[in-house]
Amino acid sequence: MDFNIDATLKDMLAAIEGKLSADWAKIKDIATGFFNDSKLRLQTLAEARINNEISDNFLQKRLADEKNLQQANFDTLKIIAKSDAQQAINAAFDVLEGAIKKAISI
């Protein structure tokens, strides 16, 4: 298994930064906190899928829940438009899903 949650979270935050570059300085610390709060859940889901303990379908449902949680977190900031927040969260979770798929194929 070649999955590192810390590196993946860093990449997820970079994906958000790429989508919200104009506002990133304002929200960097808060966004980092949001994802650090989810770290254990995301790591547990990733490892369970990598170890074939859960299906892709189950993973997708749980990741949808996590996306909704992060969407709610970002919506509370009231700094960025909702569509921008959704794009940023989608970009971050694309990174997570890519890291999981990469770890499975190794």
N, C-alpha and C. Protein backbone atom coordinates (compact mmCIF):
# COMPACT_ATOMS: atom_id res chain seq x y z
N MET A 1 0.85 -1.18 0.00
CA MET A 1 0.00 0.00 0.00
C MET A 1 0.89 1.23 0.00
N ASP A 2 0.70 2.09 -0.98
CA ASP A 2 1.47 3.31 -1.10
C ASP A 2 0.52 4.50 -0.99
N PHE A 3 0.00 4.73 0.21
CA PHE A 3 -0.94 5.83 0.44
C PHE A 3 -0.46 6.61 1.66
N ASN A 4 -0.31 7.91 1.49
CA ASN A 4 0.14 8.77 2.58
C ASN A 4 -0.91 9.86 2.76
N ILE A 5 -1.65 9.80 3.85
CA ILE A 5 -2.74 10.76 4.08
C ILE A 5 -2.22 12.19 4.19
N ASP A 6 -1.05 12.38 4.80
CA ASP A 6 -0.53 13.74 4.94
C ASP A 6 -0.19 14.35 3.58
N ALA A 7 0.45 13.57 2.73
CA ALA A 7 0.78 14.06 1.39
C ALA A 7 -0.50 14.28 0.58
N THR A 8 -1.47 13.39 0.75
CA THR A 8 -2.72 13.53 0.02
C THR A 8 -3.49 14.77 0.48
N LEU A 9 -3.55 15.01 1.79
CA LEU A 9 -4.21 16.22 2.28
C LEU A 9 -3.50 17.48 1.77
N LYS A 10 -2.19 17.44 1.73
CA LYS A 10 -1.44 18.58 1.19
C LYS A 10 -1.83 18.82 -0.27
N ASP A 11 -1.93 17.74 -1.05
CA ASP A 11 -2.32 17.85 -2.45
C ASP A 11 -3.77 18.32 -2.59
N MET A 12 -4.64 17.86 -1.70
CA MET A 12 -6.03 18.30 -1.72
C MET A 12 -6.13 19.80 -1.46
N LEU A 13 -5.36 20.27 -0.49
CA LEU A 13 -5.36 21.71 -0.18
C LEU A 13 -4.77 22.51 -1.33
N ALA A 14 -3.78 21.95 -2.00
CA ALA A 14 -3.21 22.62 -3.18
C ALA A 14 -4.25 22.72 -4.29
N ALA A 15 -5.08 21.69 -4.43
CA ALA A 15 -6.15 21.72 -5.44
C ALA A 15 -7.14 22.84 -5.12
N ILE A 16 -7.45 22.99 -3.84
CA ILE A 16 -8.35 24.08 -3.42
C ILE A 16 -7.70 25.43 -3.69
N GLU A 17 -6.43 25.53 -3.34
CA GLU A 17 -5.71 26.78 -3.59
C GLU A 17 -5.75 27.14 -5.07
N GLY A 18 -5.59 26.15 -5.93
CA GLY A 18 -5.63 26.38 -7.36
C GLY A 18 -6.96 26.93 -7.84
N LYS A 19 -8.04 26.54 -7.18
CA LYS A 19 -9.37 27.01 -7.56
C LYS A 19 -9.72 28.34 -6.91
N LEU A 20 -9.13 28.61 -5.76
CA LEU A 20 -9.51 29.80 -4.98
C LEU A 20 -8.32 30.70 -4.72
N SER A 21 -7.44 30.80 -5.69
CA SER A 21 -6.18 31.52 -5.47
C SER A 21 -6.39 32.94 -4.96
N ALA A 22 -7.40 33.63 -5.42
CA ALA A 22 -7.62 35.01 -4.99
C ALA A 22 -7.97 35.09 -3.51
N ASP A 23 -8.65 34.08 -2.99
CA ASP A 23 -9.08 34.09 -1.59
C ASP A 23 -8.24 33.19 -0.69
N TRP A 24 -7.27 32.50 -1.26
CA TRP A 24 -6.55 31.48 -0.52
C TRP A 24 -5.90 32.02 0.75
N ALA A 25 -5.28 33.17 0.67
CA ALA A 25 -4.60 33.72 1.86
C ALA A 25 -5.58 33.91 3.02
N LYS A 26 -6.82 34.24 2.68
CA LYS A 26 -7.83 34.49 3.72
C LYS A 26 -8.31 33.20 4.38
N ILE A 27 -8.29 32.10 3.64
CA ILE A 27 -8.91 30.88 4.15
C ILE A 27 -7.95 29.72 4.37
N LYS A 28 -6.68 29.90 4.07
CA LYS A 28 -5.72 28.80 4.12
C LYS A 28 -5.74 28.08 5.48
N ASP A 29 -5.61 28.83 6.55
CA ASP A 29 -5.54 28.20 7.88
C ASP A 29 -6.85 27.51 8.24
N ILE A 30 -7.96 28.14 7.90
CA ILE A 30 -9.27 27.56 8.21
C ILE A 30 -9.48 26.29 7.38
N ALA A 31 -9.17 26.36 6.09
CA ALA A 31 -9.33 25.19 5.22
C ALA A 31 -8.45 24.04 5.69
N THR A 32 -7.24 24.36 6.08
CA THR A 32 -6.33 23.33 6.59
C THR A 32 -6.93 22.68 7.83
N GLY A 33 -7.51 23.48 8.70
CA GLY A 33 -8.16 22.94 9.90
C GLY A 33 -9.33 22.04 9.56
N PHE A 34 -10.14 22.46 8.58
CA PHE A 34 -11.28 21.64 8.17
C PHE A 34 -10.80 20.26 7.73
N PHE A 35 -9.76 20.21 6.91
CA PHE A 35 -9.30 18.92 6.40
C PHE A 35 -8.55 18.12 7.46
N ASN A 36 -7.85 18.80 8.35
CA ASN A 36 -7.20 18.08 9.45
C ASN A 36 -8.24 17.43 10.36
N ASP A 37 -9.39 18.09 10.52
CA ASP A 37 -10.47 17.50 11.32
C ASP A 37 -11.02 16.24 10.67
N SER A 38 -10.94 16.15 9.35
CA SER A 38 -11.44 14.99 8.61
C SER A 38 -10.37 13.93 8.36
N LYS A 39 -9.16 14.21 8.73
CA LYS A 39 -8.01 13.37 8.38
C LYS A 39 -8.22 11.90 8.75
N LEU A 40 -8.60 11.62 9.96
CA LEU A 40 -8.74 10.23 10.41
C LEU A 40 -9.84 9.51 9.63
N ARG A 41 -10.97 10.19 9.41
CA ARG A 41 -12.05 9.56 8.64
C ARG A 41 -11.60 9.27 7.22
N LEU A 42 -10.94 10.22 6.58
CA LEU A 42 -10.49 10.04 5.20
C LEU A 42 -9.44 8.94 5.11
N GLN A 43 -8.53 8.92 6.07
CA GLN A 43 -7.50 7.88 6.08
C GLN A 43 -8.13 6.50 6.27
N THR A 44 -9.09 6.40 7.16
CA THR A 44 -9.76 5.13 7.42
C THR A 44 -10.49 4.64 6.17
N LEU A 45 -11.20 5.55 5.50
CA LEU A 45 -11.89 5.18 4.26
C LEU A 45 -10.90 4.73 3.19
N ALA A 46 -9.85 5.51 3.01
CA ALA A 46 -8.85 5.18 1.98
C ALA A 46 -8.23 3.82 2.25
N GLU A 47 -7.81 3.60 3.47
CA GLU A 47 -7.16 2.33 3.80
C GLU A 47 -8.12 1.16 3.67
N ALA A 48 -9.38 1.37 4.05
CA ALA A 48 -10.36 0.29 3.92
C ALA A 48 -10.57 -0.08 2.45
N ARG A 49 -10.60 0.92 1.58
CA ARG A 49 -10.77 0.62 0.14
C ARG A 49 -9.52 -0.02 -0.43
N ILE A 50 -8.36 0.51 -0.07
CA ILE A 50 -7.10 -0.03 -0.57
C ILE A 50 -6.93 -1.49 -0.15
N ASN A 51 -7.37 -1.81 1.06
CA ASN A 51 -7.28 -3.18 1.58
C ASN A 51 -8.47 -4.04 1.15
N ASN A 52 -9.30 -3.50 0.26
CA ASN A 52 -10.46 -4.21 -0.28
C ASN A 52 -11.45 -4.61 0.80
N GLU A 53 -11.54 -3.81 1.85
CA GLU A 53 -12.49 -4.06 2.93
C GLU A 53 -13.85 -3.43 2.64
N ILE A 54 -13.86 -2.45 1.74
CA ILE A 54 -15.10 -1.82 1.31
C ILE A 54 -15.09 -1.73 -0.22
N SER A 55 -16.27 -1.61 -0.79
CA SER A 55 -16.40 -1.54 -2.25
C SER A 55 -16.22 -0.10 -2.73
N ASP A 56 -16.04 0.03 -4.05
CA ASP A 56 -15.99 1.36 -4.64
C ASP A 56 -17.30 2.11 -4.39
N ASN A 57 -18.41 1.40 -4.49
CA ASN A 57 -19.72 2.01 -4.28
C ASN A 57 -19.84 2.57 -2.86
N PHE A 58 -19.44 1.78 -1.88
CA PHE A 58 -19.49 2.24 -0.49
C PHE A 58 -18.57 3.44 -0.30
N LEU A 59 -17.37 3.38 -0.87
CA LEU A 59 -16.43 4.49 -0.77
C LEU A 59 -17.04 5.75 -1.37
N GLN A 60 -17.64 5.64 -2.54
CA GLN A 60 -18.23 6.81 -3.19
C GLN A 60 -19.32 7.44 -2.33
N LYS A 61 -20.13 6.62 -1.69
CA LYS A 61 -21.18 7.14 -0.82
C LYS A 61 -20.59 7.87 0.39
N ARG A 62 -19.56 7.31 0.98
CA ARG A 62 -18.94 7.96 2.14
C ARG A 62 -18.20 9.23 1.74
N LEU A 63 -17.55 9.19 0.56
CA LEU A 63 -16.87 10.40 0.08
C LEU A 63 -17.87 11.50 -0.24
N ALA A 64 -19.05 11.12 -0.71
CA ALA A 64 -20.10 12.12 -0.95
C ALA A 64 -20.49 12.78 0.37
N ASP A 65 -20.57 11.98 1.43
CA ASP A 65 -20.86 12.55 2.75
C ASP A 65 -19.76 13.51 3.19
N GLU A 66 -18.52 13.11 2.97
CA GLU A 66 -17.39 13.95 3.35
C GLU A 66 -17.37 15.24 2.52
N LYS A 67 -17.68 15.13 1.24
CA LYS A 67 -17.76 16.33 0.39
C LYS A 67 -18.83 17.28 0.92
N ASN A 68 -19.98 16.73 1.28
CA ASN A 68 -21.06 17.56 1.81
C ASN A 68 -20.65 18.25 3.10
N LEU A 69 -19.92 17.54 3.95
CA LEU A 69 -19.43 18.14 5.18
C LEU A 69 -18.47 19.29 4.88
N GLN A 70 -17.54 19.06 3.97
CA GLN A 70 -16.59 20.12 3.62
C GLN A 70 -17.29 21.28 2.92
N GLN A 71 -18.28 20.96 2.09
CA GLN A 71 -19.06 22.02 1.44
C GLN A 71 -19.72 22.91 2.48
N ALA A 72 -20.31 22.28 3.49
CA ALA A 72 -20.94 23.05 4.56
C ALA A 72 -19.91 23.90 5.30
N ASN A 73 -18.74 23.33 5.56
CA ASN A 73 -17.67 24.09 6.21
C ASN A 73 -17.31 25.32 5.39
N PHE A 74 -17.10 25.12 4.10
CA PHE A 74 -16.69 26.24 3.25
C PHE A 74 -17.81 27.25 3.06
N ASP A 75 -19.03 26.78 3.00
CA ASP A 75 -20.16 27.71 2.86
C ASP A 75 -20.25 28.65 4.06
N THR A 76 -19.85 28.17 5.22
CA THR A 76 -19.94 29.01 6.41
C THR A 76 -18.93 30.16 6.38
N LEU A 77 -17.93 30.04 5.57
CA LEU A 77 -16.94 31.11 5.50
C LEU A 77 -17.51 32.40 4.91
N LYS A 78 -18.46 32.28 4.03
CA LYS A 78 -19.09 33.44 3.38
C LYS A 78 -18.08 34.35 2.69
N ILE A 79 -16.94 33.79 2.34
CA ILE A 79 -15.89 34.56 1.66
C ILE A 79 -15.97 34.34 0.16
N ILE A 80 -16.38 33.14 -0.20
CA ILE A 80 -16.38 32.77 -1.62
C ILE A 80 -17.77 32.34 -2.04
N ALA A 81 -18.04 32.43 -3.30
CA ALA A 81 -19.33 32.00 -3.82
C ALA A 81 -19.48 30.50 -3.69
N LYS A 82 -20.72 30.04 -3.54
CA LYS A 82 -20.97 28.63 -3.35
C LYS A 82 -20.45 27.79 -4.51
N SER A 83 -20.59 28.26 -5.73
CA SER A 83 -20.11 27.47 -6.87
C SER A 83 -18.60 27.34 -6.84
N ASP A 84 -17.91 28.38 -6.41
CA ASP A 84 -16.46 28.31 -6.28
C ASP A 84 -16.07 27.31 -5.19
N ALA A 85 -16.80 27.32 -4.10
CA ALA A 85 -16.52 26.38 -3.01
C ALA A 85 -16.73 24.95 -3.48
N GLN A 86 -17.81 24.71 -4.24
CA GLN A 86 -18.09 23.36 -4.73
C GLN A 86 -16.98 22.89 -5.67
N GLN A 87 -16.53 23.76 -6.56
CA GLN A 87 -15.45 23.40 -7.48
C GLN A 87 -14.17 23.09 -6.70
N ALA A 88 -13.91 23.86 -5.67
CA ALA A 88 -12.71 23.64 -4.87
C ALA A 88 -12.77 22.30 -4.13
N ILE A 89 -13.91 22.00 -3.54
CA ILE A 89 -14.07 20.74 -2.82
C ILE A 89 -13.99 19.57 -3.79
N ASN A 90 -14.62 19.70 -4.95
CA ASN A 90 -14.53 18.63 -5.95
C ASN A 90 -13.09 18.39 -6.37
N ALA A 91 -12.32 19.45 -6.57
CA ALA A 91 -10.92 19.30 -6.95
C ALA A 91 -10.14 18.58 -5.86
N ALA A 92 -10.40 18.93 -4.61
CA ALA A 92 -9.69 18.29 -3.50
C ALA A 92 -10.01 16.80 -3.42
N PHE A 93 -11.28 16.45 -3.57
CA PHE A 93 -11.65 15.05 -3.47
C PHE A 93 -11.25 14.26 -4.70
N ASP A 94 -11.09 14.91 -5.84
CA ASP A 94 -10.52 14.24 -7.01
C ASP A 94 -9.10 13.79 -6.71
N VAL A 95 -8.36 14.62 -5.97
CA VAL A 95 -6.99 14.27 -5.57
C VAL A 95 -7.02 13.05 -4.67
N LEU A 96 -7.92 13.03 -3.67
CA LEU A 96 -8.02 11.90 -2.75
C LEU A 96 -8.37 10.62 -3.51
N GLU A 97 -9.36 10.68 -4.38
CA GLU A 97 -9.75 9.49 -5.13
C GLU A 97 -8.62 9.00 -6.03
N GLY A 98 -7.88 9.93 -6.62
CA GLY A 98 -6.74 9.55 -7.45
C GLY A 98 -5.66 8.86 -6.65
N ALA A 99 -5.41 9.36 -5.44
CA ALA A 99 -4.39 8.74 -4.58
C ALA A 99 -4.80 7.33 -4.17
N ILE A 100 -6.09 7.14 -3.89
CA ILE A 100 -6.59 5.80 -3.52
C ILE A 100 -6.46 4.85 -4.71
N LYS A 101 -6.89 5.30 -5.89
CA LYS A 101 -6.79 4.45 -7.09
C LYS A 101 -5.34 4.10 -7.40
N LYS A 102 -4.46 5.07 -7.23
CA LYS A 102 -3.04 4.82 -7.49
C LYS A 102 -2.51 3.77 -6.52
N ALA A 103 -2.89 3.89 -5.23
CA ALA A 103 -2.43 2.93 -4.24
C ALA A 103 -2.96 1.53 -4.52
N ILE A 104 -4.18 1.44 -5.02
CA ILE A 104 -4.76 0.13 -5.34
C ILE A 104 -4.01 -0.52 -6.50
N SER A 105 -3.60 0.28 -7.47
CA SER A 105 -2.98 -0.31 -8.66
C SER A 105 -1.52 -0.64 -8.48
N ILE A 106 -0.94 -0.28 -7.37
CA ILE A 106 0.48 -0.57 -7.14
C ILE A 106 0.65 -1.99 -6.66
